[in-house]
Protein backbone atom coordinates (compact mmCIF):
# COMPACT_ATOMS: atom_id res chain seq x y z
CA MET A 1 -70.80 -42.22 -71.91
CA PRO A 2 -72.52 -38.82 -70.88
CA ARG A 3 -74.71 -37.10 -73.59
CA ALA A 4 -73.55 -33.55 -74.41
CA PRO A 5 -76.28 -30.90 -73.91
CA ALA A 6 -78.81 -29.63 -76.18
CA ALA A 7 -77.41 -26.28 -76.37
CA ALA A 8 -74.20 -27.70 -77.46
CA ALA A 9 -75.38 -30.43 -79.99
CA ALA A 10 -77.50 -27.85 -82.24
CA PRO A 11 -74.25 -26.67 -83.97
CA LEU A 12 -72.86 -29.74 -84.38
CA LEU A 13 -76.45 -30.47 -86.74
CA LEU A 14 -76.10 -27.48 -87.94
CA LEU A 15 -72.22 -27.86 -89.10
CA LEU A 16 -73.08 -31.34 -90.47
CA ALA A 17 -76.07 -30.32 -92.53
CA LEU A 18 -73.74 -27.48 -94.17
CA LEU A 19 -71.01 -30.14 -94.93
CA LEU A 20 -73.29 -32.55 -97.26
CA ALA A 21 -74.80 -29.60 -98.69
CA ALA A 22 -71.20 -28.17 -99.84
CA ALA A 23 -69.97 -31.69 -100.82
CA PRO A 24 -68.84 -32.18 -104.44
CA PRO A 25 -70.90 -35.08 -106.31
CA HIS A 26 -69.13 -38.53 -105.87
CA GLY A 27 -66.82 -39.71 -108.38
CA GLY A 28 -67.25 -36.61 -110.63
CA SER A 29 -64.53 -33.39 -111.21
CA GLU A 30 -64.65 -30.36 -109.17
CA SER A 31 -66.87 -27.38 -111.00
CA PRO A 32 -66.94 -23.90 -110.23
CA LYS A 33 -69.65 -24.14 -108.11
CA GLY A 34 -68.09 -26.82 -106.04
CA LYS A 35 -64.91 -24.53 -105.63
CA GLN A 36 -67.24 -22.13 -104.13
CA LYS A 37 -69.14 -24.78 -101.85
CA ALA A 38 -65.65 -26.04 -100.70
CA LEU A 39 -64.66 -22.36 -99.98
CA ARG A 40 -67.69 -21.88 -98.46
CA GLN A 41 -67.42 -25.11 -95.94
CA ARG A 42 -63.79 -23.49 -94.79
CA GLU A 43 -65.77 -20.28 -93.69
CA VAL A 44 -68.32 -22.66 -91.83
CA VAL A 45 -65.66 -24.22 -90.17
CA ASP A 46 -63.93 -21.29 -89.33
CA VAL A 47 -67.36 -19.68 -87.73
CA TYR A 48 -67.49 -22.79 -85.86
CA ASN A 49 -63.99 -22.97 -84.35
CA GLY A 50 -64.81 -19.41 -82.95
CA MET A 51 -67.93 -20.69 -81.40
CA CYS A 52 -66.17 -23.44 -79.24
CA LEU A 53 -66.82 -22.54 -75.57
CA GLN A 54 -63.85 -21.28 -73.11
CA GLY A 55 -62.62 -23.79 -70.96
CA PRO A 56 -61.56 -23.16 -67.16
CA SER A 57 -58.77 -20.38 -66.52
CA GLY A 58 -55.42 -22.34 -65.68
CA VAL A 59 -53.34 -21.90 -62.65
CA PRO A 60 -51.73 -18.70 -62.22
CA GLY A 61 -47.89 -18.73 -62.91
CA ARG A 62 -44.83 -17.83 -60.76
CA ASP A 63 -43.39 -14.16 -60.48
CA GLY A 64 -40.35 -14.00 -62.71
CA ASN A 65 -36.84 -13.37 -61.43
CA PRO A 66 -35.97 -9.57 -61.16
CA GLY A 67 -34.71 -8.03 -63.76
CA ALA A 68 -31.10 -5.95 -63.75
CA ASN A 69 -30.93 -2.46 -63.24
CA GLY A 70 -31.57 -0.04 -65.80
CA ILE A 71 -29.63 2.61 -66.77
CA PRO A 72 -29.16 5.64 -64.78
CA GLY A 73 -31.45 8.58 -65.77
CA THR A 74 -30.34 12.23 -66.82
CA PRO A 75 -30.22 14.69 -63.76
CA GLY A 76 -32.97 16.48 -63.17
CA ILE A 77 -34.33 19.88 -63.98
CA PRO A 78 -32.96 22.29 -60.90
CA GLY A 79 -35.32 23.32 -58.96
CA ARG A 80 -36.44 27.21 -58.00
CA ASP A 81 -35.23 29.67 -55.53
CA GLY A 82 -36.55 29.42 -52.34
CA LEU A 83 -38.41 32.77 -50.62
CA LYS A 84 -36.45 35.93 -49.82
CA GLY A 85 -35.40 35.35 -46.05
CA GLU A 86 -35.46 37.87 -43.38
CA LYS A 87 -32.79 40.78 -43.28
CA GLY A 88 -30.42 40.12 -40.36
CA GLU A 89 -28.97 42.37 -37.89
CA CYS A 90 -26.13 44.46 -38.95
CA MET A 91 -23.22 43.33 -36.60
CA ARG A 92 -20.09 45.58 -36.56
CA GLU A 93 -16.78 44.50 -35.79
CA SER A 94 -14.33 46.18 -33.73
CA ILE A 95 -10.77 45.87 -34.86
CA GLU A 96 -8.72 46.74 -32.26
CA GLU A 97 -5.36 48.21 -33.40
CA SER A 98 -1.76 46.97 -32.14
CA TRP A 99 -0.62 48.74 -28.68
CA THR A 100 2.47 50.75 -29.46
CA PRO A 101 4.74 50.71 -26.19
CA ASN A 102 5.11 54.20 -24.45
CA PHE A 103 7.59 54.51 -21.76
CA LYS A 104 10.06 57.47 -19.93
CA GLN A 105 12.43 57.31 -17.72
CA CYS A 106 13.89 59.94 -15.58
CA SER A 107 17.23 59.51 -13.52
CA TRP A 108 19.64 61.49 -11.13
CA SER A 109 23.01 60.43 -10.09
CA ALA A 110 22.93 62.07 -6.28
CA LEU A 111 20.00 63.84 -5.66
CA ASN A 112 21.22 64.04 -1.78
CA TYR A 113 17.76 65.89 -1.32
CA GLY A 114 17.04 65.97 2.61
CA ILE A 115 13.51 67.91 2.64
CA ASP A 116 11.23 66.36 5.08
CA LEU A 117 7.99 68.13 3.70
CA GLY A 118 7.50 68.77 -0.15
CA LYS A 119 7.94 67.77 -3.73
CA ILE A 120 11.49 65.51 -4.54
CA ALA A 121 11.45 65.42 -8.15
CA GLU A 122 9.30 65.02 -11.09
CA CYS A 123 9.20 63.53 -14.70
CA THR A 124 6.71 64.83 -17.45
CA PHE A 125 4.84 62.31 -19.16
CA THR A 126 2.83 61.94 -22.71
CA LYS A 127 -0.49 60.06 -22.61
CA MET A 128 -1.32 58.73 -25.46
CA ARG A 129 -4.89 57.37 -24.84
CA SER A 130 -7.60 58.03 -22.06
CA ASN A 131 -8.34 54.29 -21.26
CA SER A 132 -5.15 53.13 -20.39
CA ALA A 133 -3.29 52.84 -17.19
CA LEU A 134 0.11 54.42 -15.70
CA ARG A 135 2.71 52.51 -14.27
CA VAL A 136 5.28 54.49 -12.17
CA LEU A 137 8.20 53.49 -10.09
CA PHE A 138 10.32 55.47 -8.09
CA SER A 139 13.70 53.74 -6.94
CA GLY A 140 16.35 55.37 -4.52
CA SER A 141 17.74 56.10 -1.40
CA LEU A 142 15.04 56.49 1.57
CA ARG A 143 16.48 57.30 5.12
CA LEU A 144 14.54 58.26 8.15
CA LYS A 145 15.98 59.52 12.01
CA CYS A 146 14.40 60.69 15.07
CA ARG A 147 14.48 61.34 18.86
CA ASN A 148 11.34 59.47 19.39
CA ALA A 149 8.69 57.30 17.53
CA CYS A 150 8.22 59.35 13.77
CA CYS A 151 7.13 58.54 10.37
CA GLN A 152 7.79 59.73 6.77
CA ARG A 153 5.55 58.69 3.81
CA TRP A 154 6.68 59.08 -0.11
CA TYR A 155 3.96 59.32 -2.57
CA PHE A 156 3.30 59.95 -6.32
CA THR A 157 1.24 63.15 -7.52
CA PHE A 158 -0.59 63.11 -11.16
CA ASN A 159 -0.72 67.06 -12.32
CA GLY A 160 -0.71 67.50 -8.57
CA ALA A 161 -3.03 65.26 -7.04
CA GLU A 162 -2.67 61.89 -5.75
CA CYS A 163 -3.62 58.86 -7.47
CA ALA A 164 -7.61 57.97 -7.20
CA GLY A 165 -7.73 55.15 -9.27
CA PRO A 166 -7.97 52.78 -7.17
CA LEU A 167 -5.87 54.35 -4.16
CA PRO A 168 -2.71 56.25 -3.31
CA ILE A 169 0.75 54.96 -4.65
CA GLU A 170 3.07 55.58 -1.27
CA ALA A 171 5.61 53.88 0.60
CA ILE A 172 6.28 54.61 4.73
CA ILE A 173 9.16 54.30 6.70
CA TYR A 174 8.33 54.14 10.53
CA LEU A 175 10.79 54.29 13.52
CA ASP A 176 10.04 53.92 17.00
CA GLN A 177 13.76 53.74 18.68
CA GLY A 178 15.66 57.00 18.23
CA SER A 179 18.45 58.27 19.64
CA PRO A 180 18.59 60.96 22.37
CA GLU A 181 20.77 63.38 19.38
CA LEU A 182 19.39 63.77 15.76
CA ASN A 183 22.94 63.24 14.48
CA SER A 184 23.12 59.72 16.48
CA THR A 185 25.08 56.98 14.62
CA ILE A 186 21.68 55.28 13.74
CA ASN A 187 21.57 56.42 10.27
CA ILE A 188 20.60 54.14 7.89
CA HIS A 189 19.88 54.87 4.35
CA ARG A 190 18.54 52.06 2.21
CA THR A 191 17.83 51.66 -1.67
CA SER A 192 13.95 51.68 -1.78
CA SER A 193 10.99 51.83 -4.15
CA VAL A 194 7.63 53.21 -4.41
CA GLU A 195 5.41 51.57 -6.99
CA GLY A 196 2.17 51.04 -8.64
CA LEU A 197 -0.60 51.67 -11.27
CA CYS A 198 -3.16 54.60 -11.48
CA GLU A 199 -5.97 54.26 -14.09
CA GLY A 200 -8.73 57.57 -14.63
CA ILE A 201 -6.04 59.79 -15.98
CA ASN A 202 -6.97 61.48 -19.29
CA ALA A 203 -4.64 61.59 -22.14
CA GLY A 204 -1.95 64.45 -23.06
CA LEU A 205 0.86 65.68 -20.85
CA VAL A 206 0.82 64.43 -16.73
CA ASP A 207 3.58 65.99 -14.73
CA ILE A 208 4.39 63.14 -12.48
CA ALA A 209 6.23 63.82 -9.02
CA ILE A 210 7.61 61.89 -6.14
CA TRP A 211 6.66 63.81 -2.74
CA VAL A 212 7.83 63.58 1.08
CA GLY A 213 5.27 63.73 4.08
CA THR A 214 4.00 63.13 7.20
CA CYS A 215 2.09 59.90 8.27
CA SER A 216 -1.24 60.24 9.78
CA ASP A 217 -1.03 60.59 13.23
CA TYR A 218 2.56 60.56 13.70
CA PRO A 219 5.26 63.44 13.68
CA ARG A 220 7.75 63.83 11.07
CA GLY A 221 10.83 62.83 12.10
CA ASP A 222 14.42 63.67 9.67
CA ALA A 223 14.20 62.17 6.22
CA SER A 224 16.59 62.15 3.49
CA THR A 225 16.35 60.88 -0.64
CA GLY A 226 18.77 59.86 -2.75
CA TRP A 227 21.94 60.00 -0.91
CA ASN A 228 24.82 59.12 -2.67
CA SER A 229 23.23 56.92 -5.18
CA VAL A 230 21.45 57.16 -8.47
CA SER A 231 17.48 57.61 -7.84
CA ARG A 232 15.07 57.13 -10.89
CA ILE A 233 11.47 57.38 -11.75
CA ILE A 234 10.33 54.93 -14.62
CA ILE A 235 6.42 55.52 -16.03
CA GLU A 236 4.74 53.22 -18.58
CA GLU A 237 1.60 53.59 -20.57
CA LEU A 238 -0.40 49.97 -19.98
CA PRO A 239 -3.52 48.42 -21.56
CA LYS A 240 -6.52 47.91 -19.68
């Protein structure tokens, strides 16, 4: 069996010497001094136990099972307000007013107007807005007769001028094959219409009239408007 190193044996020899010195006499009763020796003997043993050499470390243990979830924490402190943003652009909302219908009709039971050049009939209208358009309509009997080729033109005016937004409002009748006499039996009256939209007219009173005139580069014939029937002008203001 291998011997203990000298450094380890020294404490053992010291301990044995202390125990022998502290042991009570053989066969006698323990005196007070003996009690002190016994107490000292125990202290010596405790000191020796504290001087024991430490053995090698053991094998590390395994990780334990995961623990259960803890109790949910209380809500945190509310965050601070952020930095003030830049001033935005001002946006204006345009609220369009509701559109109120605005129209008018002028009618005649029997114009029987036989002029070849000039104003036939008119109707005054109150236009409510400057940015609106006017729809005009003439409906009535029209007739043209002539000995040779002829052409007549029926058109609208607004306060004495033809429409320029965008173009005039007109209708024509052209007759190519006439008769030897103006009072020939070729004398057809037909209900026709002249209709269109005109823009660019200011708000206020507007005198709207239907006229008859000549066509460019053609001679006029014998015109007739509104014979033996109802004629009418209808005016309506429309949003653009």
